[in-house]
C-alpha cells in the first residue's frame, strides 16, 4: 500500500478552506430576509379563501349542524338558514275604490326545509316595463314561525300605485328593508 504525503504547501495558500472564502458574492446563496411578510400573507389569504369558500358552499348543511348560528348571522344581515323558504302562488290585481285604484298582492311563504324557521319580512316592488323598481314596500306573512312544510299566506294593499308599473316582484327581505 502506498502512502501519499502532502508535505508541499498548496498552491493557493496553506489554508485548505481558502477557496470557499474566495468565491464571488453571486455564487453564494442569498441570506434569508428576516421579517419577510409576503409568504405569510399569501398563506393567510389562501387559508381564508378556503375556509370562506367552504362555509359559503356548505351553508345549508352548516345551518342544520349548528342552528344556533342562524340568528347571529341574520342579525348582521346575512340570509343564513332562510334558503328553505320559498315564495309561491303570487298574484296581483288592481281594485277600484271610487275614483282611486289600489294594488292588492297576495301569495304564500312555504318552509321547504326540515327545521322550524322564523319567517322574514317580504319585500314587494312595483316594476316598470324595463324591470326598474318604481316603488318598494314591505309586509309580513300571517305567521312568524313556520314549521317544516308549513305555509303562511300574505296579503298587502298599496293605495294609488304608480301608473308606470307593469308588474310586481316579491322577495324575502333582508335586514334594513
N, C-alpha and C. Protein backbone atom coordinates (compact mmCIF):
# COMPACT_ATOMS: atom_id res chain seq x y z
N UNK A 1 0.84 -1.16 0.00
CA UNK A 1 0.00 0.00 0.00
C UNK A 1 0.89 1.22 0.00
N UNK A 2 0.56 2.13 -0.80
CA UNK A 2 1.39 3.33 -0.92
C UNK A 2 0.71 4.49 -0.21
N UNK A 3 1.54 5.31 0.37
CA UNK A 3 1.03 6.50 1.07
C UNK A 3 1.50 7.73 0.33
N UNK A 4 0.60 8.72 0.30
CA UNK A 4 0.96 9.99 -0.32
C UNK A 4 1.03 11.02 0.78
N UNK A 5 2.08 11.69 0.86
CA UNK A 5 2.25 12.72 1.88
C UNK A 5 2.12 14.09 1.24
N UNK A 6 1.44 14.96 1.92
CA UNK A 6 1.25 16.33 1.44
C UNK A 6 2.21 17.22 2.20
N UNK A 7 3.44 17.16 1.86
CA UNK A 7 4.44 17.98 2.53
C UNK A 7 4.57 19.34 1.90
N UNK A 8 4.15 19.44 0.67
CA UNK A 8 4.27 20.71 -0.02
C UNK A 8 3.07 21.58 0.30
N UNK A 9 3.24 22.89 0.42
CA UNK A 9 2.08 23.77 0.63
C UNK A 9 1.20 23.80 -0.62
N UNK A 10 -0.05 23.97 -0.41
CA UNK A 10 -0.99 24.05 -1.53
C UNK A 10 -0.73 25.31 -2.32
N UNK A 11 -0.99 25.30 -3.63
CA UNK A 11 -0.64 26.45 -4.46
C UNK A 11 -1.35 27.74 -4.06
N UNK A 12 -2.56 27.70 -3.62
CA UNK A 12 -3.28 28.94 -3.32
C UNK A 12 -3.02 29.46 -1.93
N UNK A 13 -2.80 28.59 -0.95
CA UNK A 13 -2.42 29.03 0.39
C UNK A 13 -2.25 27.82 1.28
N UNK A 14 -1.90 28.08 2.49
CA UNK A 14 -1.75 26.99 3.44
C UNK A 14 -3.10 26.59 4.03
N UNK A 15 -4.10 27.45 3.85
CA UNK A 15 -5.43 27.17 4.38
C UNK A 15 -6.22 26.33 3.38
N UNK A 16 -6.62 25.10 3.75
CA UNK A 16 -7.34 24.27 2.78
C UNK A 16 -8.75 24.77 2.46
N UNK A 17 -9.31 25.66 3.25
CA UNK A 17 -10.66 26.17 3.01
C UNK A 17 -10.67 27.57 2.42
N UNK A 18 -9.56 28.05 2.02
CA UNK A 18 -9.48 29.41 1.46
C UNK A 18 -10.27 29.53 0.16
N UNK A 19 -10.31 28.45 -0.62
CA UNK A 19 -11.04 28.51 -1.89
C UNK A 19 -12.53 28.80 -1.67
N UNK A 20 -13.12 28.39 -0.50
CA UNK A 20 -14.53 28.69 -0.24
C UNK A 20 -14.74 30.18 0.05
N UNK A 21 -13.82 30.76 0.76
CA UNK A 21 -13.97 32.17 1.09
C UNK A 21 -13.68 33.07 -0.10
N UNK A 22 -13.01 32.55 -1.14
CA UNK A 22 -12.67 33.37 -2.29
C UNK A 22 -13.76 33.36 -3.36
N UNK A 23 -14.85 32.64 -3.13
CA UNK A 23 -15.92 32.64 -4.12
C UNK A 23 -16.55 34.03 -4.23
N UNK A 24 -17.06 34.33 -5.38
CA UNK A 24 -17.68 35.65 -5.57
C UNK A 24 -19.03 35.69 -4.84
N UNK A 25 -19.55 36.89 -4.63
CA UNK A 25 -20.81 37.05 -3.92
C UNK A 25 -21.99 36.44 -4.67
N UNK A 26 -21.96 36.50 -6.00
CA UNK A 26 -23.10 35.99 -6.77
C UNK A 26 -23.18 34.47 -6.70
N UNK A 27 -22.10 33.80 -6.32
CA UNK A 27 -22.13 32.36 -6.20
C UNK A 27 -22.68 31.92 -4.84
N UNK A 28 -22.70 32.81 -3.87
CA UNK A 28 -23.18 32.45 -2.55
C UNK A 28 -24.70 32.54 -2.52
N UNK A 29 -25.33 31.62 -1.81
CA UNK A 29 -26.79 31.69 -1.71
C UNK A 29 -27.21 32.93 -0.95
N UNK A 30 -28.34 33.55 -1.34
CA UNK A 30 -28.78 34.78 -0.65
C UNK A 30 -29.18 34.48 0.79
N UNK A 31 -28.91 35.40 1.64
CA UNK A 31 -29.30 35.25 3.04
C UNK A 31 -30.81 35.42 3.14
N UNK A 32 -31.47 34.64 4.00
CA UNK A 32 -32.91 34.73 4.17
C UNK A 32 -33.25 36.06 4.84
N UNK A 33 -34.17 36.78 4.21
CA UNK A 33 -34.58 38.07 4.76
C UNK A 33 -35.43 37.84 5.99
N UNK A 34 -35.08 38.48 7.04
CA UNK A 34 -35.85 38.34 8.27
C UNK A 34 -37.06 39.27 8.21
N UNK A 35 -38.18 38.78 8.70
CA UNK A 35 -39.38 39.60 8.75
C UNK A 35 -40.07 39.76 7.40
N UNK A 36 -39.80 38.89 6.44
CA UNK A 36 -40.48 38.98 5.15
C UNK A 36 -41.92 38.52 5.35
N UNK A 37 -42.89 39.39 5.20
CA UNK A 37 -44.28 39.13 5.50
C UNK A 37 -45.06 38.60 4.30
N UNK A 38 -44.51 38.67 3.09
CA UNK A 38 -45.27 38.26 1.91
C UNK A 38 -45.65 36.78 1.89
N UNK A 39 -44.75 35.85 2.21
CA UNK A 39 -45.18 34.45 2.22
C UNK A 39 -46.25 34.17 3.27
N UNK A 40 -46.13 34.82 4.42
CA UNK A 40 -47.14 34.63 5.47
C UNK A 40 -48.48 35.19 5.04
N UNK A 41 -48.48 36.32 4.37
CA UNK A 41 -49.72 36.93 3.90
C UNK A 41 -50.38 36.05 2.83
N UNK A 42 -49.58 35.50 1.94
CA UNK A 42 -50.12 34.62 0.91
C UNK A 42 -50.74 33.37 1.53
N UNK A 43 -50.10 32.80 2.53
CA UNK A 43 -50.63 31.63 3.21
C UNK A 43 -51.92 31.97 3.94
N UNK A 44 -51.95 33.10 4.62
CA UNK A 44 -53.15 33.53 5.33
C UNK A 44 -54.31 33.76 4.36
N UNK A 45 -54.04 34.38 3.22
CA UNK A 45 -55.09 34.61 2.22
C UNK A 45 -55.61 33.29 1.67
N UNK A 46 -54.73 32.34 1.40
CA UNK A 46 -55.16 31.05 0.88
C UNK A 46 -56.03 30.30 1.89
N UNK A 47 -55.64 30.34 3.15
CA UNK A 47 -56.42 29.68 4.19
C UNK A 47 -57.78 30.35 4.35
N UNK A 48 -57.82 31.68 4.35
CA UNK A 48 -59.07 32.41 4.49
C UNK A 48 -60.03 32.13 3.34
N UNK A 49 -59.51 32.13 2.13
CA UNK A 49 -60.36 31.84 0.98
C UNK A 49 -60.89 30.42 1.01
N UNK A 50 -60.08 29.49 1.44
CA UNK A 50 -60.53 28.09 1.53
C UNK A 50 -61.63 27.94 2.56
N UNK A 51 -61.43 28.50 3.72
CA UNK A 51 -62.45 28.39 4.78
C UNK A 51 -63.71 29.14 4.39
N UNK A 52 -63.58 30.36 3.87
CA UNK A 52 -64.75 31.13 3.46
C UNK A 52 -65.52 30.48 2.33
N UNK A 53 -64.81 29.97 1.34
CA UNK A 53 -65.48 29.30 0.24
C UNK A 53 -66.19 28.04 0.69
N UNK A 54 -65.57 27.30 1.57
CA UNK A 54 -66.21 26.09 2.09
C UNK A 54 -67.44 26.40 2.92
N UNK A 55 -67.36 27.44 3.72
CA UNK A 55 -68.52 27.83 4.52
C UNK A 55 -69.67 28.30 3.65
N UNK A 56 -69.35 29.06 2.60
CA UNK A 56 -70.41 29.54 1.70
C UNK A 56 -71.04 28.38 0.94
N UNK A 57 -70.21 27.44 0.48
CA UNK A 57 -70.73 26.32 -0.30
C UNK A 57 -71.55 25.37 0.56
N UNK A 58 -71.25 25.27 1.83
CA UNK A 58 -71.93 24.31 2.70
C UNK A 58 -72.85 24.99 3.70
N UNK A 59 -73.38 26.18 3.37
CA UNK A 59 -74.17 26.89 4.38
C UNK A 59 -75.47 26.18 4.73
N UNK A 60 -76.06 25.43 3.81
CA UNK A 60 -77.28 24.70 4.14
C UNK A 60 -76.99 23.59 5.15
N UNK A 61 -75.89 22.87 4.98
CA UNK A 61 -75.52 21.83 5.92
C UNK A 61 -75.12 22.43 7.26
N UNK A 62 -74.40 23.54 7.23
CA UNK A 62 -73.98 24.19 8.46
C UNK A 62 -75.18 24.68 9.25
N UNK A 63 -76.22 25.09 8.55
CA UNK A 63 -77.43 25.55 9.20
C UNK A 63 -78.09 24.42 9.98
N UNK A 64 -78.02 23.21 9.45
CA UNK A 64 -78.59 22.06 10.15
C UNK A 64 -77.69 21.60 11.29
N UNK A 65 -76.38 21.68 11.10
CA UNK A 65 -75.45 21.20 12.12
C UNK A 65 -75.39 22.16 13.31
N UNK A 66 -75.34 23.46 13.04
CA UNK A 66 -75.24 24.47 14.10
C UNK A 66 -76.35 25.51 13.96
N UNK A 67 -77.59 25.15 14.32
CA UNK A 67 -78.70 26.10 14.15
C UNK A 67 -78.59 27.34 15.02
N UNK A 68 -77.79 27.29 16.08
CA UNK A 68 -77.64 28.45 16.96
C UNK A 68 -76.95 29.61 16.25
N UNK A 69 -76.27 29.34 15.10
CA UNK A 69 -75.57 30.39 14.37
C UNK A 69 -76.54 31.24 13.54
N UNK A 70 -77.69 30.66 13.16
CA UNK A 70 -78.63 31.35 12.27
C UNK A 70 -79.07 32.73 12.77
N UNK A 71 -79.54 32.87 14.01
CA UNK A 71 -79.98 34.20 14.45
C UNK A 71 -78.85 35.22 14.48
N UNK A 72 -77.64 34.77 14.79
CA UNK A 72 -76.50 35.69 14.83
C UNK A 72 -76.21 36.23 13.43
N UNK A 73 -76.14 35.33 12.46
CA UNK A 73 -75.83 35.76 11.10
C UNK A 73 -76.96 36.56 10.47
N UNK A 74 -78.20 36.19 10.77
CA UNK A 74 -79.31 37.00 10.26
C UNK A 74 -79.30 38.38 10.90
N UNK A 75 -78.83 38.49 12.14
CA UNK A 75 -78.76 39.77 12.82
C UNK A 75 -77.79 40.74 12.17
N UNK A 76 -76.76 40.21 11.51
CA UNK A 76 -75.81 41.08 10.82
C UNK A 76 -76.15 41.23 9.35
N UNK A 77 -77.30 40.67 8.93
CA UNK A 77 -77.75 40.90 7.56
C UNK A 77 -77.49 39.77 6.59
N UNK A 78 -76.91 38.65 7.04
CA UNK A 78 -76.65 37.54 6.13
C UNK A 78 -77.85 36.61 6.15
N UNK A 79 -78.45 36.30 5.00
CA UNK A 79 -79.67 35.49 4.99
C UNK A 79 -79.39 34.00 5.21
N UNK A 80 -78.74 33.67 6.32
CA UNK A 80 -78.33 32.31 6.63
C UNK A 80 -79.52 31.52 7.15
N UNK A 81 -79.76 30.34 6.62
CA UNK A 81 -80.81 29.49 7.13
C UNK A 81 -82.18 29.79 6.57
N UNK A 82 -82.34 30.77 5.70
CA UNK A 82 -83.65 31.07 5.13
C UNK A 82 -83.76 30.55 3.71
N UNK A 83 -82.77 29.79 3.25
CA UNK A 83 -82.80 29.26 1.88
C UNK A 83 -83.94 28.28 1.70
N UNK A 84 -84.44 27.71 2.79
CA UNK A 84 -85.53 26.76 2.70
C UNK A 84 -86.88 27.44 2.49
N UNK A 85 -86.93 28.75 2.66
CA UNK A 85 -88.19 29.47 2.46
C UNK A 85 -88.39 29.80 0.99
N UNK A 86 -89.59 29.57 0.52
CA UNK A 86 -89.94 29.86 -0.87
C UNK A 86 -91.20 30.72 -0.90
N UNK A 87 -91.24 31.65 -1.83
CA UNK A 87 -92.44 32.47 -2.05
C UNK A 87 -93.16 31.88 -3.25
N UNK A 88 -94.42 31.48 -3.06
CA UNK A 88 -95.18 30.83 -4.13
C UNK A 88 -96.56 31.46 -4.26
N UNK A 89 -97.24 31.09 -5.33
CA UNK A 89 -98.63 31.47 -5.59
C UNK A 89 -98.86 32.98 -5.49
N UNK A 90 -97.97 33.76 -6.07
CA UNK A 90 -98.09 35.22 -6.01
C UNK A 90 -99.07 35.68 -7.09
N UNK A 91 -100.00 36.53 -6.67
CA UNK A 91 -100.94 37.12 -7.63
C UNK A 91 -101.14 38.59 -7.26
N UNK A 92 -101.41 39.39 -8.28
CA UNK A 92 -101.67 40.82 -8.02
C UNK A 92 -102.83 41.25 -8.89
N UNK A 93 -103.58 42.22 -8.38
CA UNK A 93 -104.73 42.75 -9.14
C UNK A 93 -105.00 44.18 -8.71
N UNK A 94 -105.55 44.94 -9.62
CA UNK A 94 -105.97 46.32 -9.32
C UNK A 94 -107.43 46.30 -8.89
N UNK A 95 -107.73 47.01 -7.81
CA UNK A 95 -109.08 47.08 -7.27
C UNK A 95 -109.51 48.54 -7.31
N UNK A 96 -110.70 48.80 -7.90
CA UNK A 96 -111.22 50.18 -7.98
C UNK A 96 -111.91 50.54 -6.66
N UNK A 97 -111.57 51.72 -6.15
CA UNK A 97 -112.19 52.25 -4.93
C UNK A 97 -112.63 53.67 -5.24
N UNK A 98 -113.83 53.81 -5.76
CA UNK A 98 -114.30 55.13 -6.16
C UNK A 98 -113.50 55.60 -7.37
N UNK A 99 -112.85 56.75 -7.26
CA UNK A 99 -112.01 57.25 -8.35
C UNK A 99 -110.59 56.69 -8.31
N UNK A 100 -110.14 56.25 -7.14
CA UNK A 100 -108.76 55.76 -6.98
C UNK A 100 -108.69 54.24 -7.17
N UNK A 101 -107.49 53.78 -7.40
CA UNK A 101 -107.26 52.35 -7.50
C UNK A 101 -106.29 51.92 -6.40
N UNK A 102 -106.36 50.63 -6.08
CA UNK A 102 -105.43 50.05 -5.12
C UNK A 102 -104.88 48.76 -5.73
N UNK A 103 -103.62 48.49 -5.43
CA UNK A 103 -102.97 47.27 -5.89
C UNK A 103 -102.96 46.27 -4.74
N UNK A 104 -103.51 45.08 -4.98
CA UNK A 104 -103.57 44.03 -3.97
C UNK A 104 -102.64 42.91 -4.43
N UNK A 105 -101.68 42.54 -3.55
CA UNK A 105 -100.73 41.47 -3.84
C UNK A 105 -100.92 40.38 -2.78
N UNK A 106 -101.09 39.14 -3.25
CA UNK A 106 -101.29 38.01 -2.34
C UNK A 106 -100.37 36.86 -2.74
N UNK A 107 -100.09 35.98 -1.80
CA UNK A 107 -99.26 34.82 -2.07
C UNK A 107 -99.03 34.00 -0.83
N UNK A 108 -98.06 33.06 -0.92
CA UNK A 108 -97.75 32.17 0.19
C UNK A 108 -96.24 32.11 0.40
N UNK A 109 -95.86 31.90 1.66
CA UNK A 109 -94.48 31.61 2.02
C UNK A 109 -94.48 30.17 2.52
N UNK A 110 -93.59 29.33 1.95
CA UNK A 110 -93.54 27.92 2.29
C UNK A 110 -92.18 27.58 2.88
N UNK A 111 -92.19 26.82 3.99
CA UNK A 111 -90.95 26.33 4.58
C UNK A 111 -90.68 24.95 3.98
N UNK A 112 -89.73 24.86 3.06
CA UNK A 112 -89.39 23.59 2.40
C UNK A 112 -88.27 22.87 3.14
N UNK A 113 -87.82 23.41 4.25
CA UNK A 113 -86.72 22.81 5.00
C UNK A 113 -87.19 21.79 6.02
N UNK A 114 -86.24 21.29 6.80
CA UNK A 114 -86.52 20.27 7.80
C UNK A 114 -86.61 20.83 9.22
N UNK A 115 -86.42 22.13 9.40
CA UNK A 115 -86.47 22.75 10.72
C UNK A 115 -87.45 23.93 10.72
N UNK A 116 -87.86 24.29 11.93
CA UNK A 116 -88.71 25.47 12.08
C UNK A 116 -87.88 26.72 11.78
N UNK A 117 -88.49 27.67 11.06
CA UNK A 117 -87.78 28.89 10.65
C UNK A 117 -88.63 30.10 10.99
N UNK A 118 -87.98 31.17 11.44
CA UNK A 118 -88.66 32.44 11.62
C UNK A 118 -88.91 33.03 10.25
N UNK A 119 -90.14 33.42 9.99
CA UNK A 119 -90.48 33.99 8.69
C UNK A 119 -89.97 35.42 8.61
N UNK A 120 -89.19 35.76 7.58
CA UNK A 120 -88.69 37.13 7.45
C UNK A 120 -89.76 38.03 6.84
N UNK A 121 -89.46 39.32 6.81
CA UNK A 121 -90.36 40.24 6.13
C UNK A 121 -90.28 39.99 4.63
N UNK A 122 -91.29 40.40 3.92
CA UNK A 122 -91.33 40.25 2.47
C UNK A 122 -91.15 41.61 1.83
N UNK A 123 -90.37 41.65 0.77
CA UNK A 123 -90.07 42.89 0.04
C UNK A 123 -90.85 42.86 -1.27
N UNK A 124 -91.75 43.80 -1.45
CA UNK A 124 -92.56 43.89 -2.66
C UNK A 124 -92.12 45.12 -3.44
N UNK A 125 -92.08 44.99 -4.76
CA UNK A 125 -91.63 46.11 -5.60
C UNK A 125 -92.49 46.19 -6.85
N UNK A 126 -93.00 47.38 -7.13
CA UNK A 126 -93.68 47.65 -8.40
C UNK A 126 -92.59 47.98 -9.40
N UNK A 127 -92.61 47.28 -10.57
CA UNK A 127 -91.56 47.48 -11.56
C UNK A 127 -92.15 48.04 -12.86
N UNK A 128 -91.29 48.77 -13.57
CA UNK A 128 -91.69 49.35 -14.86
C UNK A 128 -91.45 48.32 -15.96
N UNK A 129 -91.70 48.72 -17.21
CA UNK A 129 -91.54 47.82 -18.35
C UNK A 129 -90.09 47.38 -18.52
N UNK A 130 -89.12 48.21 -18.14
CA UNK A 130 -87.70 47.83 -18.25
C UNK A 130 -87.19 47.17 -16.96
N UNK A 131 -88.10 46.71 -16.10
CA UNK A 131 -87.83 45.99 -14.85
C UNK A 131 -87.10 46.84 -13.80
N UNK A 132 -87.20 48.14 -13.90
CA UNK A 132 -86.65 49.03 -12.87
C UNK A 132 -87.69 49.17 -11.76
N UNK A 133 -87.23 49.14 -10.51
CA UNK A 133 -88.15 49.27 -9.39
C UNK A 133 -88.61 50.72 -9.25
N UNK A 134 -89.93 50.90 -9.27
CA UNK A 134 -90.51 52.24 -9.15
C UNK A 134 -90.86 52.54 -7.69
N UNK A 135 -91.47 51.55 -7.03
CA UNK A 135 -91.91 51.74 -5.66
C UNK A 135 -91.69 50.43 -4.90
N UNK A 136 -91.14 50.53 -3.67
CA UNK A 136 -90.84 49.35 -2.86
C UNK A 136 -91.50 49.51 -1.49
N UNK A 137 -92.07 48.42 -0.98
CA UNK A 137 -92.61 48.41 0.38
C UNK A 137 -92.47 47.00 0.94
N UNK A 138 -92.71 46.85 2.24
CA UNK A 138 -92.55 45.55 2.89
C UNK A 138 -93.84 45.15 3.57
N UNK A 139 -93.96 43.85 3.81
CA UNK A 139 -95.09 43.29 4.53
C UNK A 139 -94.63 42.05 5.28
N UNK A 140 -95.47 41.55 6.15
CA UNK A 140 -95.16 40.36 6.94
C UNK A 140 -96.13 39.24 6.58
N UNK A 141 -95.68 37.98 6.61
CA UNK A 141 -96.62 36.88 6.45
C UNK A 141 -97.51 36.78 7.69
N UNK A 142 -98.60 36.02 7.59
CA UNK A 142 -99.54 35.89 8.71
C UNK A 142 -98.89 35.22 9.92
N UNK A 143 -98.00 34.24 9.71
CA UNK A 143 -97.35 33.54 10.81
C UNK A 143 -95.89 33.98 10.90
N UNK A 144 -95.38 34.09 12.14
CA UNK A 144 -93.99 34.50 12.31
C UNK A 144 -93.04 33.31 12.37
N UNK A 145 -93.53 32.11 12.72
CA UNK A 145 -92.72 30.89 12.76
C UNK A 145 -93.37 29.87 11.85
N UNK A 146 -92.56 29.22 11.03
CA UNK A 146 -93.07 28.20 10.11
C UNK A 146 -92.42 26.86 10.42
N UNK A 147 -93.23 25.87 10.70
CA UNK A 147 -92.74 24.50 10.92
C UNK A 147 -92.37 23.90 9.57
N UNK A 148 -91.63 22.79 9.54
CA UNK A 148 -91.28 22.17 8.26
C UNK A 148 -92.53 21.82 7.44
N UNK A 149 -92.54 22.27 6.19
CA UNK A 149 -93.66 22.00 5.29
C UNK A 149 -94.85 22.94 5.47
N UNK A 150 -94.81 23.83 6.44
CA UNK A 150 -95.94 24.71 6.72
C UNK A 150 -95.96 25.89 5.75
N UNK A 151 -97.18 26.38 5.48
CA UNK A 151 -97.39 27.51 4.58
C UNK A 151 -98.03 28.66 5.36
N UNK A 152 -97.72 29.87 4.92
CA UNK A 152 -98.34 31.06 5.52
C UNK A 152 -98.72 32.01 4.40
N UNK A 153 -99.96 32.45 4.41
CA UNK A 153 -100.43 33.37 3.39
C UNK A 153 -100.02 34.80 3.75
N UNK A 154 -99.87 35.62 2.73
CA UNK A 154 -99.64 37.05 2.95
C UNK A 154 -100.50 37.82 1.96
N UNK A 155 -100.84 39.02 2.37
CA UNK A 155 -101.63 39.92 1.53
C UNK A 155 -101.21 41.34 1.86
N UNK A 156 -101.06 42.15 0.82
CA UNK A 156 -100.66 43.53 1.01
C UNK A 156 -101.43 44.41 0.04
N UNK A 157 -101.73 45.61 0.47
CA UNK A 157 -102.51 46.54 -0.33
C UNK A 157 -101.73 47.85 -0.47
N UNK A 158 -101.60 48.35 -1.69
CA UNK A 158 -100.91 49.61 -1.95
C UNK A 158 -101.92 50.58 -2.56
N UNK A 159 -102.19 51.64 -1.81
CA UNK A 159 -103.12 52.67 -2.29
C UNK A 159 -102.45 53.51 -3.35
N UNK A 160 -103.13 53.82 -4.41
CA UNK A 160 -102.65 54.66 -5.52
C UNK A 160 -101.29 54.20 -6.04
N UNK A 161 -101.22 53.03 -6.66
CA UNK A 161 -99.93 52.54 -7.18
C UNK A 161 -99.45 53.40 -8.34
N UNK A 162 -98.15 53.39 -8.63
CA UNK A 162 -97.62 54.18 -9.74
C UNK A 162 -98.24 53.72 -11.08
N UNK A 163 -98.58 54.67 -11.92
CA UNK A 163 -99.23 54.33 -13.20
C UNK A 163 -98.26 53.68 -14.19
N UNK A 164 -96.95 53.88 -14.02
CA UNK A 164 -95.96 53.29 -14.93
C UNK A 164 -95.64 51.84 -14.59
N UNK A 165 -96.20 51.31 -13.51
CA UNK A 165 -95.91 49.94 -13.09
C UNK A 165 -96.59 48.92 -13.98
N UNK A 166 -95.85 47.85 -14.32
CA UNK A 166 -96.43 46.79 -15.14
C UNK A 166 -96.45 45.44 -14.43
N UNK A 167 -95.60 45.24 -13.43
CA UNK A 167 -95.65 44.00 -12.67
C UNK A 167 -95.13 44.22 -11.25
N UNK A 168 -95.26 43.17 -10.42
CA UNK A 168 -94.86 43.23 -9.03
C UNK A 168 -93.88 42.09 -8.77
N UNK A 169 -92.76 42.38 -8.09
CA UNK A 169 -91.79 41.36 -7.69
C UNK A 169 -91.86 41.20 -6.17
N UNK A 170 -91.85 39.93 -5.73
CA UNK A 170 -91.89 39.63 -4.30
C UNK A 170 -90.64 38.81 -3.96
N UNK A 171 -89.93 39.22 -2.91
CA UNK A 171 -88.72 38.51 -2.48
C UNK A 171 -88.65 38.51 -0.96
N UNK A 172 -87.84 37.60 -0.42
CA UNK A 172 -87.61 37.58 1.02
C UNK A 172 -86.77 38.80 1.38
N UNK A 173 -87.17 39.51 2.40
CA UNK A 173 -86.48 40.73 2.79
C UNK A 173 -85.21 40.45 3.57
N UNK A 174 -84.35 41.46 3.62
CA UNK A 174 -83.09 41.42 4.38
C UNK A 174 -83.18 42.45 5.48
N UNK A 175 -82.23 42.38 6.39
CA UNK A 175 -82.18 43.37 7.46
C UNK A 175 -82.01 44.75 6.86
N UNK A 176 -82.82 45.69 7.30
CA UNK A 176 -82.73 47.06 6.80
C UNK A 176 -83.78 47.37 5.76
N UNK A 177 -84.52 46.37 5.30
CA UNK A 177 -85.59 46.63 4.30
C UNK A 177 -86.79 47.24 4.97
